[in-house]
Amino acid sequence: MSSAPSVADNPSNESRDPAYFGYYAMLQHQQNMLQDTVRTSTYRSAILLNTECFEDKLVMDVGAGSGILSYFAVQAGAKKVYAVEASEMALKMKKLVKAASLPGGMAKNEFLKDRIEVIQAKIEDPSIKAPKVDTIISEPIGVLLVHERMIESFIYARDTYLKPGGQLFPNKGTMYLAPFTDALLFTETMGKARFWEQTTFHGVDLSPLYPDAKAEMFGMPVVGHFDPKSLLATPTSDAEGYEMDFNTITMKALRDFVVPISWKAQYTGLMHGVAGWFDLTFSGKPDSAASQPIEMSTGPSAEKTHWQQVRFMFREPLAVNAGQSIRGWMHCVVNDMRSYTVDIELIVGPFGELSDPSEPFEPLLEKQAKQQQQPVSRSEGKEVEEEEEEEEEIDELQFSRRRGRWELHEQSYNYSYTGSPNDLLTKPEHLCMYEPENVDDAYGGMEFIN
């Protein structure tokens, strides 16, 4: 039986570090992030509009990369910035900082002179010689907020180097989930799997691998922008937003957490899966009249970012009626690939009990294999079959359930949505989403009971 890794196992990132830091040592990848105008301008605004957290302060930049946040901190008046970067990008940052001290009128960015100390090391390296600081800045964010597990380094820096009462930029992340429909994406994914249905591929029958191919294709989270109109329900910050307060969250809570799900369908249609994105908050200094909180959204209705959104597709769509309740959970547990194993379970309708997220999850293929390996007598088999049929009948009468597992690092990509002006003409029925006869019913608390 397969289960999600335990927090006690504490999967290490070490095996992934060479590839991870090698990626971020390349200027082309740093350029990709710098050219994300939403990301870069949001950080710049958050820092320069809250100078009281930087002026004459000691600052630490965790995972400094190109150093852009360190440069913004100096522009905001930082006394000294300790820029900690583990990859070879630290050498390029040193080159840029050193250019501020060139003689004979050759200096570049003179405002950086003697203001930044570049430290090439992982923040967890105990040999780092840096004092306690007033403010820590970082861009530790990945797909769905937590991918790449860089937030753990941010929290380590908080616990190790931040003075009491010090500030974090950003100080909060909020994860959002919503049900989506996308028949084209589902069809494309099925098309990839159906390659393995072939029985005469150059004389070879590939069909024994079809179930594995389908499991693999649908087990890959799909990263990319999508039409916000394809959401069957819209999350709200009060109900569906899952907040991570970086000032208080613990390592344990970060490594194993459950996001509760509760939606009410606004349309009748097929739910192909669950979409996810996040917001970031830069609150500035608490209880200060001079603070200017800044927020950034990566949602489908917001301006595009390099983080995009992510969608988890079910192997079998789930039919919903407008006004029906959809409830469930998403369970995220760290793995050793600098990412998370994600389990999602949903139930449509008021009946049926949700599984315990902490219970081991048995994928369909493993369950089928185990059943094939356990022969039973004819009478026992008949009894089991009758019981299963009865359970299925009850299940179909009362509620519909879907459960799946995805590895957040095993991503596929879909860039079919461009957000062109013609999309403004798209109506729900064009996406096979149907409004109730009385539109107000979907919002007025009407319940469907099967």
Protein backbone atom coordinates (compact mmCIF):
# COMPACT_ATOMS: atom_id res chain seq x y z
CA MET A 1 0.00 0.00 0.00
CA SER A 2 1.26 3.45 -0.94
CA SER A 3 0.98 6.43 1.36
CA ALA A 4 2.13 10.00 1.53
CA PRO A 5 5.54 10.47 3.16
CA SER A 6 5.49 11.28 6.82
CA VAL A 7 6.70 14.59 8.19
CA ALA A 8 8.91 12.54 10.47
CA ASP A 9 10.75 11.32 7.38
CA ASN A 10 11.70 14.95 6.67
CA PRO A 11 12.69 14.41 3.03
CA SER A 12 15.93 16.21 2.22
CA ASN A 13 16.46 18.64 -0.63
CA GLU A 14 20.15 17.77 -0.93
CA SER A 15 19.84 15.35 -3.86
CA ARG A 16 18.07 18.00 -5.92
CA ASP A 17 20.36 20.90 -5.05
CA PRO A 18 22.91 20.59 -7.91
CA ALA A 19 20.20 20.77 -10.59
CA TYR A 20 18.20 23.36 -8.65
CA PHE A 21 21.08 25.76 -8.07
CA GLY A 22 22.48 25.09 -11.52
CA TYR A 23 19.19 26.29 -13.00
CA TYR A 24 19.20 29.53 -11.03
CA ALA A 25 22.87 30.17 -11.83
CA MET A 26 21.92 30.95 -15.42
CA LEU A 27 21.27 34.54 -16.45
CA GLN A 28 18.51 33.52 -18.86
CA HIS A 29 16.44 32.14 -15.99
CA GLN A 30 17.11 35.19 -13.84
CA GLN A 31 16.07 37.32 -16.81
CA ASN A 32 12.80 35.41 -17.05
CA MET A 33 11.99 36.42 -13.48
CA LEU A 34 13.25 39.99 -13.82
CA GLN A 35 11.06 40.47 -16.90
CA ASP A 36 8.01 39.40 -14.92
CA THR A 37 6.90 43.00 -14.46
CA VAL A 38 4.21 42.10 -11.93
CA ARG A 39 6.71 40.29 -9.71
CA THR A 40 9.53 42.83 -10.01
CA SER A 41 7.41 45.97 -9.74
CA THR A 42 5.45 44.57 -6.78
CA TYR A 43 8.61 43.88 -4.80
CA ARG A 44 10.04 47.29 -5.71
CA SER A 45 6.85 49.06 -4.63
CA ALA A 46 6.65 47.06 -1.39
CA ILE A 47 10.22 48.01 -0.48
CA LEU A 48 10.29 51.64 -1.60
CA LEU A 49 6.87 52.45 -0.14
CA ASN A 50 7.87 51.05 3.24
CA THR A 51 11.27 52.68 3.71
CA GLU A 52 10.89 52.71 7.50
CA CYS A 53 11.64 48.97 7.36
CA PHE A 54 14.86 49.61 5.41
CA GLU A 55 16.29 53.06 6.08
CA ASP A 56 19.48 52.74 8.17
CA LYS A 57 18.57 49.08 8.78
CA LEU A 58 20.46 45.82 8.47
CA VAL A 59 18.79 43.71 5.81
CA MET A 60 19.18 40.09 4.66
CA ASP A 61 18.20 38.91 1.18
CA VAL A 62 17.59 35.14 1.24
CA GLY A 63 18.12 33.40 -2.09
CA ALA A 64 19.23 36.69 -3.61
CA GLY A 65 19.57 35.42 -7.20
CA SER A 66 20.37 38.37 -9.46
CA GLY A 67 20.39 40.63 -6.41
CA ILE A 68 17.52 42.82 -7.54
CA LEU A 69 15.84 42.84 -4.11
CA SER A 70 19.14 43.79 -2.47
CA TYR A 71 19.49 46.71 -4.87
CA PHE A 72 15.94 47.85 -4.08
CA ALA A 73 16.76 47.66 -0.36
CA VAL A 74 19.77 49.93 -0.85
CA GLN A 75 17.59 52.33 -2.83
CA ALA A 76 15.26 52.37 0.19
CA GLY A 77 18.17 53.42 2.42
CA ALA A 78 19.42 50.14 3.87
CA LYS A 79 22.60 50.55 5.92
CA LYS A 80 23.89 47.11 4.91
CA VAL A 81 22.45 44.21 2.94
CA TYR A 82 23.64 40.63 3.38
CA ALA A 83 22.77 38.93 0.11
CA VAL A 84 22.81 35.14 0.58
CA GLU A 85 22.82 33.11 -2.65
CA ALA A 86 23.92 29.46 -2.94
CA SER A 87 24.27 29.22 -6.73
CA GLU A 88 27.04 30.52 -8.97
CA MET A 89 24.81 33.54 -9.61
CA ALA A 90 26.46 34.91 -6.46
CA LEU A 91 29.63 35.43 -8.51
CA LYS A 92 27.75 37.50 -11.08
CA MET A 93 26.17 39.51 -8.31
CA LYS A 94 29.62 40.15 -6.82
CA LYS A 95 30.77 41.35 -10.23
CA LEU A 96 27.93 43.85 -10.44
CA VAL A 97 28.47 45.07 -6.87
CA LYS A 98 32.23 45.35 -7.40
CA ALA A 99 31.62 47.59 -10.41
CA ALA A 100 30.30 50.22 -7.98
CA SER A 101 33.85 50.70 -6.68
CA LEU A 102 35.73 50.93 -9.97
CA PRO A 103 38.15 53.90 -10.13
CA GLY A 104 38.57 56.68 -12.67
CA GLY A 105 34.93 57.34 -13.46
CA MET A 106 34.35 53.75 -14.50
CA ALA A 107 32.05 52.95 -11.57
CA LYS A 108 28.59 51.57 -12.24
CA ASN A 109 25.72 51.83 -9.76
CA GLU A 110 27.76 53.84 -7.27
CA PHE A 111 24.85 53.85 -4.84
CA LEU A 112 25.71 50.18 -4.12
CA LYS A 113 29.26 50.92 -2.97
CA ASP A 114 30.04 49.37 0.44
CA ARG A 115 26.37 48.62 1.01
CA ILE A 116 26.08 44.96 -0.04
CA GLU A 117 27.94 41.88 1.15
CA VAL A 118 27.38 38.87 -1.10
CA ILE A 119 27.55 35.52 0.70
CA GLN A 120 27.71 32.44 -1.51
CA ALA A 121 26.15 29.75 0.65
CA LYS A 122 22.87 28.12 1.53
CA ILE A 123 21.18 30.05 4.30
CA GLU A 124 21.24 26.87 6.41
CA ASP A 125 25.08 26.81 6.30
CA PRO A 126 26.21 27.29 9.93
CA SER A 127 29.47 28.90 8.77
CA ILE A 128 27.68 32.05 7.53
CA LYS A 129 28.97 35.07 9.38
CA ALA A 130 26.11 37.53 9.45
CA PRO A 131 24.55 39.47 12.33
CA LYS A 132 20.93 39.63 13.36
CA VAL A 133 19.06 41.87 10.94
CA ASP A 134 16.07 44.21 11.11
CA THR A 135 14.42 43.05 7.89
CA ILE A 136 14.54 39.91 5.75
CA ILE A 137 13.53 40.05 2.10
CA SER A 138 13.14 37.06 -0.18
CA GLU A 139 11.33 35.71 -3.20
CA PRO A 140 10.95 32.13 -1.97
CA ILE A 141 7.87 31.34 -4.02
CA GLY A 142 7.14 28.56 -6.50
CA VAL A 143 4.13 27.18 -8.34
CA LEU A 144 1.12 27.03 -5.99
CA LEU A 145 3.16 29.08 -3.50
CA VAL A 146 5.11 26.14 -2.04
CA HIS A 147 6.81 24.33 -4.96
CA GLU A 148 10.65 24.23 -4.67
CA ARG A 149 10.42 24.38 -0.84
CA MET A 150 12.29 27.68 -0.66
CA ILE A 151 9.88 28.98 1.98
CA GLU A 152 11.60 26.61 4.41
CA SER A 153 14.84 28.56 3.91
CA PHE A 154 12.93 31.82 4.45
CA ILE A 155 11.56 30.49 7.74
CA TYR A 156 15.01 29.22 8.78
CA ALA A 157 16.42 32.71 8.17
CA ARG A 158 13.58 34.19 10.23
CA ASP A 159 14.32 31.91 13.17
CA THR A 160 18.10 32.35 12.93
CA TYR A 161 18.80 35.91 11.81
CA LEU A 162 15.76 38.15 12.38
CA LYS A 163 15.82 40.48 15.38
CA PRO A 164 12.78 40.44 17.70
CA GLY A 165 10.15 42.67 16.14
CA GLY A 166 11.87 42.51 12.76
CA GLN A 167 10.00 42.54 9.43
CA LEU A 168 9.56 39.97 6.69
CA PHE A 169 8.96 40.88 3.03
CA PRO A 170 6.62 39.21 2.07
CA ASN A 171 4.93 38.38 5.36
CA LYS A 172 2.00 36.28 4.10
CA GLY A 173 1.00 33.97 1.26
CA THR A 174 -2.56 32.85 0.55
CA MET A 175 -3.38 29.78 -1.52
CA TYR A 176 -6.64 29.58 -3.49
CA LEU A 177 -8.41 26.57 -5.00
CA ALA A 178 -11.43 26.42 -7.32
CA PRO A 179 -13.15 23.77 -9.49
CA PHE A 180 -12.69 24.14 -13.24
CA THR A 181 -14.02 22.71 -16.48
CA ASP A 182 -11.89 22.29 -19.60
CA ALA A 183 -13.05 19.63 -22.05
CA LEU A 184 -10.28 20.46 -24.53
CA LEU A 185 -7.52 19.99 -21.96
CA PHE A 186 -9.09 16.71 -20.83
CA THR A 187 -9.34 15.50 -24.44
CA GLU A 188 -5.74 16.45 -25.18
CA THR A 189 -4.54 14.58 -22.10
CA MET A 190 -6.58 11.51 -23.00
CA GLY A 191 -5.13 11.72 -26.51
CA LYS A 192 -1.61 11.43 -25.14
CA ALA A 193 -2.57 8.39 -23.06
CA ARG A 194 -4.42 6.69 -25.92
CA PHE A 195 -1.17 6.37 -27.87
CA TRP A 196 -0.54 3.41 -25.57
CA GLU A 197 -3.83 1.73 -26.57
CA GLN A 198 -2.32 0.70 -29.88
CA THR A 199 -2.28 -3.04 -30.46
CA THR A 200 -0.17 -3.07 -33.64
CA PHE A 201 2.53 -0.44 -33.18
CA HIS A 202 5.17 -1.81 -35.58
CA GLY A 203 4.04 -5.26 -34.61
CA VAL A 204 3.97 -4.56 -30.87
CA ASP A 205 0.87 -4.46 -28.67
CA LEU A 206 1.31 -1.48 -26.34
CA SER A 207 -2.11 -1.75 -24.70
CA PRO A 208 -0.92 -3.37 -21.44
CA LEU A 209 0.69 -0.01 -20.66
CA TYR A 210 -2.40 2.10 -21.33
CA PRO A 211 -3.59 2.19 -17.67
CA ASP A 212 -0.11 3.25 -16.59
CA ALA A 213 0.03 5.93 -19.29
CA LYS A 214 -3.35 7.33 -18.25
CA ALA A 215 -2.30 7.37 -14.59
CA GLU A 216 0.94 9.14 -15.49
CA MET A 217 -0.63 11.75 -17.79
CA PHE A 218 -3.36 12.67 -15.34
CA GLY A 219 -0.93 12.56 -12.42
CA MET A 220 1.00 15.54 -13.83
CA PRO A 221 -0.17 18.97 -12.63
CA VAL A 222 -0.81 21.27 -15.59
CA VAL A 223 0.94 24.65 -15.31
CA GLY A 224 -0.24 27.53 -17.46
CA HIS A 225 -2.74 30.36 -17.63
CA PHE A 226 -6.40 29.56 -18.19
CA ASP A 227 -9.67 31.35 -18.81
CA PRO A 228 -11.09 32.52 -15.45
CA LYS A 229 -14.55 31.96 -16.93
CA SER A 230 -13.89 28.20 -16.82
CA LEU A 231 -14.23 28.18 -13.02
CA LEU A 232 -17.40 26.51 -11.80
CA ALA A 233 -17.14 28.32 -8.48
CA THR A 234 -15.09 31.28 -7.33
CA PRO A 235 -13.15 31.01 -4.08
CA THR A 236 -13.31 33.73 -1.45
CA SER A 237 -10.60 34.74 0.98
CA ASP A 238 -12.84 33.96 3.94
CA ALA A 239 -13.71 30.39 2.96
CA GLU A 240 -11.29 28.94 0.44
CA GLY A 241 -8.14 31.00 0.91
CA TYR A 242 -5.51 29.08 2.87
CA GLU A 243 -3.20 31.55 4.60
CA MET A 244 0.44 31.02 5.48
CA ASP A 245 1.64 33.68 7.90
CA PHE A 246 5.41 33.70 7.41
CA ASN A 247 5.85 35.47 10.75
CA THR A 248 4.46 32.53 12.71
CA ILE A 249 4.30 29.38 10.57
CA THR A 250 6.47 26.49 11.78
CA MET A 251 8.57 24.11 9.71
CA LYS A 252 6.29 21.26 10.72
CA ALA A 253 3.16 23.10 9.58
CA LEU A 254 4.86 23.97 6.29
CA ARG A 255 5.89 20.42 5.53
CA ASP A 256 2.52 18.75 6.05
CA PHE A 257 -0.73 20.69 5.75
CA VAL A 258 -4.36 20.22 4.72
CA VAL A 259 -6.36 22.83 2.82
CA PRO A 260 -10.11 22.45 3.48
CA ILE A 261 -12.38 22.81 0.46
CA SER A 262 -15.97 24.09 0.46
CA TRP A 263 -17.59 25.47 -2.69
CA LYS A 264 -21.06 25.98 -4.10
CA ALA A 265 -21.31 25.38 -7.84
CA GLN A 266 -22.49 28.42 -9.77
CA TYR A 267 -23.04 26.47 -12.98
CA THR A 268 -24.16 23.04 -14.14
CA GLY A 269 -21.35 21.24 -15.94
CA LEU A 270 -18.46 18.80 -15.74
CA MET A 271 -15.72 19.47 -13.23
CA HIS A 272 -12.46 18.25 -14.75
CA GLY A 273 -10.37 19.06 -11.70
CA VAL A 274 -9.08 21.65 -9.26
CA ALA A 275 -7.24 24.85 -10.15
CA GLY A 276 -4.84 26.62 -7.79
CA TRP A 277 -2.98 29.92 -7.44
CA PHE A 278 -1.80 32.29 -4.70
CA ASP A 279 -1.54 35.87 -3.48
CA LEU A 280 1.37 37.53 -1.67
CA THR A 281 1.07 40.23 0.99
CA PHE A 282 3.68 42.79 2.05
CA SER A 283 2.19 44.47 5.13
CA GLY A 284 5.10 46.69 6.09
CA LYS A 285 5.53 47.60 9.73
CA PRO A 286 2.53 46.68 11.92
CA ASP A 287 0.76 49.52 13.76
CA SER A 288 2.60 52.16 11.74
CA ALA A 289 0.67 54.91 10.01
CA ALA A 290 3.45 55.13 7.42
CA SER A 291 3.08 51.50 6.31
CA GLN A 292 1.66 50.94 2.86
CA PRO A 293 0.55 47.31 2.45
CA ILE A 294 1.09 45.87 -1.03
CA GLU A 295 -0.59 42.78 -2.44
CA MET A 296 0.07 40.71 -5.54
CA SER A 297 -2.21 38.09 -7.10
CA THR A 298 -1.33 35.27 -9.48
CA GLY A 299 -4.99 34.37 -10.05
CA PRO A 300 -6.48 33.73 -13.50
CA SER A 301 -8.21 37.14 -13.50
CA ALA A 302 -5.04 39.02 -12.53
CA GLU A 303 -2.21 40.23 -14.74
CA LYS A 304 -0.03 37.33 -15.89
CA THR A 305 3.08 36.27 -13.95
CA HIS A 306 5.78 33.68 -14.58
CA TRP A 307 4.23 31.55 -11.81
CA GLN A 308 1.02 31.16 -13.86
CA GLN A 309 -1.59 28.85 -12.31
CA VAL A 310 -1.73 25.09 -11.82
CA ARG A 311 -4.51 22.59 -12.47
CA PHE A 312 -4.97 19.08 -11.07
CA MET A 313 -7.08 16.98 -13.45
CA PHE A 314 -9.19 14.00 -12.43
CA ARG A 315 -9.08 10.91 -14.62
CA GLU A 316 -12.88 10.98 -14.67
CA PRO A 317 -14.79 14.29 -14.65
CA LEU A 318 -17.33 14.95 -11.92
CA ALA A 319 -20.83 16.16 -12.85
CA VAL A 320 -22.22 19.04 -10.76
CA ASN A 321 -25.45 20.99 -10.75
CA ALA A 322 -25.66 24.71 -10.10
CA GLY A 323 -26.24 25.23 -6.39
CA GLN A 324 -24.73 21.90 -5.30
CA SER A 325 -22.19 21.83 -2.51
CA ILE A 326 -18.68 20.57 -3.24
CA ARG A 327 -16.52 19.73 -0.25
CA GLY A 328 -13.21 18.08 0.35
CA TRP A 329 -9.58 18.72 1.10
CA MET A 330 -6.12 19.01 -0.42
CA HIS A 331 -3.31 17.36 1.54
CA CYS A 332 0.26 18.54 0.78
CA VAL A 333 3.31 16.71 2.11
CA VAL A 334 6.93 17.53 1.26
CA ASN A 335 8.95 15.10 -0.85
CA ASP A 336 12.66 14.79 -1.66
CA MET A 337 12.29 16.50 -5.06
CA ARG A 338 12.11 20.02 -3.62
CA SER A 339 8.36 19.84 -3.91
CA TYR A 340 5.18 18.26 -2.56
CA THR A 341 3.02 15.20 -2.96
CA VAL A 342 -0.55 16.43 -3.35
CA ASP A 343 -3.67 14.39 -2.54
CA ILE A 344 -7.12 15.81 -3.29
CA GLU A 345 -10.51 14.38 -2.40
CA LEU A 346 -13.87 15.92 -3.32
CA ILE A 347 -17.49 14.95 -2.72
CA VAL A 348 -20.43 16.53 -4.54
CA GLY A 349 -23.67 16.69 -2.57
CA PRO A 350 -24.56 16.71 1.13
CA PHE A 351 -24.13 12.98 1.74
CA GLY A 352 -21.04 10.85 2.27
CA GLU A 353 -18.10 11.18 4.61
CA LEU A 354 -14.74 12.48 3.50
CA SER A 355 -11.72 10.27 4.04
CA ASP A 356 -9.14 11.13 6.68
CA PRO A 357 -6.31 12.96 4.83
CA SER A 358 -3.76 11.29 7.09
CA GLU A 359 -4.87 7.80 6.10
CA PRO A 360 -2.73 5.96 3.51
CA PHE A 361 -3.86 6.50 -0.05
CA GLU A 362 -3.98 3.49 -2.35
CA PRO A 363 -3.80 4.42 -6.04
CA LEU A 364 -6.19 2.57 -8.34
CA LEU A 365 -3.46 0.63 -10.18
CA GLU A 366 -1.96 -0.71 -6.95
CA LYS A 367 -5.40 -1.61 -5.65
CA GLN A 368 -6.22 -3.54 -8.83
CA ALA A 369 -2.86 -5.33 -8.75
CA LYS A 370 -3.38 -6.39 -5.14
CA GLN A 371 -6.87 -7.69 -5.88
CA GLN A 372 -5.48 -9.77 -8.75
CA GLN A 373 -2.84 -11.26 -6.46
CA GLN A 374 -5.35 -12.32 -3.79
CA PRO A 375 -7.44 -15.23 -5.09
CA VAL A 376 -10.73 -15.81 -3.29
CA SER A 377 -13.18 -18.70 -3.32
CA ARG A 378 -16.19 -18.56 -5.61
CA SER A 379 -18.62 -17.99 -2.74
CA GLU A 380 -16.41 -15.36 -1.13
CA GLY A 381 -15.91 -13.65 -4.46
CA LYS A 382 -19.67 -13.55 -5.04
CA GLU A 383 -20.27 -12.05 -1.60
CA VAL A 384 -17.56 -9.43 -2.11
CA GLU A 385 -18.92 -8.61 -5.55
CA GLU A 386 -22.45 -8.20 -4.20
CA GLU A 387 -21.21 -6.00 -1.36
CA GLU A 388 -19.23 -3.82 -3.79
CA GLU A 389 -22.22 -3.50 -6.12
CA GLU A 390 -24.43 -2.52 -3.18
CA GLU A 391 -21.87 0.05 -1.98
CA GLU A 392 -21.55 1.45 -5.51
CA GLU A 393 -25.33 1.70 -5.81
CA ILE A 394 -25.57 3.58 -2.51
CA ASP A 395 -22.64 5.77 -3.53
CA GLU A 396 -24.27 6.67 -6.85
CA LEU A 397 -27.59 7.45 -5.20
CA GLN A 398 -26.21 9.70 -2.51
CA PHE A 399 -23.01 11.39 -3.63
CA SER A 400 -20.12 11.42 -6.09
CA ARG A 401 -16.51 11.24 -4.96
CA ARG A 402 -13.18 11.75 -6.67
CA ARG A 403 -9.73 11.32 -5.22
CA GLY A 404 -6.32 11.60 -6.82
CA ARG A 405 -2.62 12.07 -6.21
CA TRP A 406 -0.19 14.35 -8.01
CA GLU A 407 3.52 15.08 -7.63
CA LEU A 408 3.81 18.86 -7.84
CA HIS A 409 7.29 18.70 -9.44
CA GLU A 410 6.13 16.44 -12.31
CA GLN A 411 4.57 19.30 -14.22
CA SER A 412 3.21 19.46 -17.74
CA TYR A 413 2.51 22.76 -19.46
CA ASN A 414 -0.40 24.16 -21.41
CA TYR A 415 -0.17 27.58 -23.09
CA SER A 416 -3.29 27.43 -25.24
CA TYR A 417 -5.00 30.32 -23.39
CA THR A 418 -3.71 33.69 -24.53
CA GLY A 419 -6.27 36.03 -23.03
CA SER A 420 -7.05 37.72 -26.35
CA PRO A 421 -9.74 40.44 -26.68
CA ASN A 422 -12.03 37.87 -28.32
CA ASP A 423 -12.22 36.07 -24.97
CA LEU A 424 -14.44 38.89 -23.75
CA LEU A 425 -17.14 37.46 -26.00
CA THR A 426 -16.95 34.03 -24.36
CA LYS A 427 -20.12 33.02 -22.55
CA PRO A 428 -20.53 30.18 -20.01
CA GLU A 429 -22.37 27.96 -22.51
CA HIS A 430 -19.38 28.20 -24.88
CA LEU A 431 -17.43 26.37 -22.17
CA CYS A 432 -20.24 23.85 -21.56
CA MET A 433 -21.20 25.60 -18.31
CA TYR A 434 -24.92 26.19 -17.87
CA GLU A 435 -26.60 28.75 -15.67
CA PRO A 436 -29.63 27.65 -13.62
CA GLU A 437 -33.04 28.65 -14.97
CA ASN A 438 -33.15 31.27 -12.23
CA VAL A 439 -29.62 32.72 -12.14
CA ASP A 440 -30.11 33.85 -8.56
CA ASP A 441 -30.53 30.23 -7.47
CA ALA A 442 -26.81 29.59 -7.80
CA TYR A 443 -26.09 32.37 -5.33
CA GLY A 444 -29.14 32.33 -3.11
CA GLY A 445 -28.43 29.23 -1.07
CA MET A 446 -30.47 26.69 -3.05
CA GLU A 447 -29.43 23.14 -2.17
CA PHE A 448 -29.79 20.08 -4.40
CA ILE A 449 -30.37 16.86 -2.48
CA ASN A 450 -30.03 13.65 -4.49
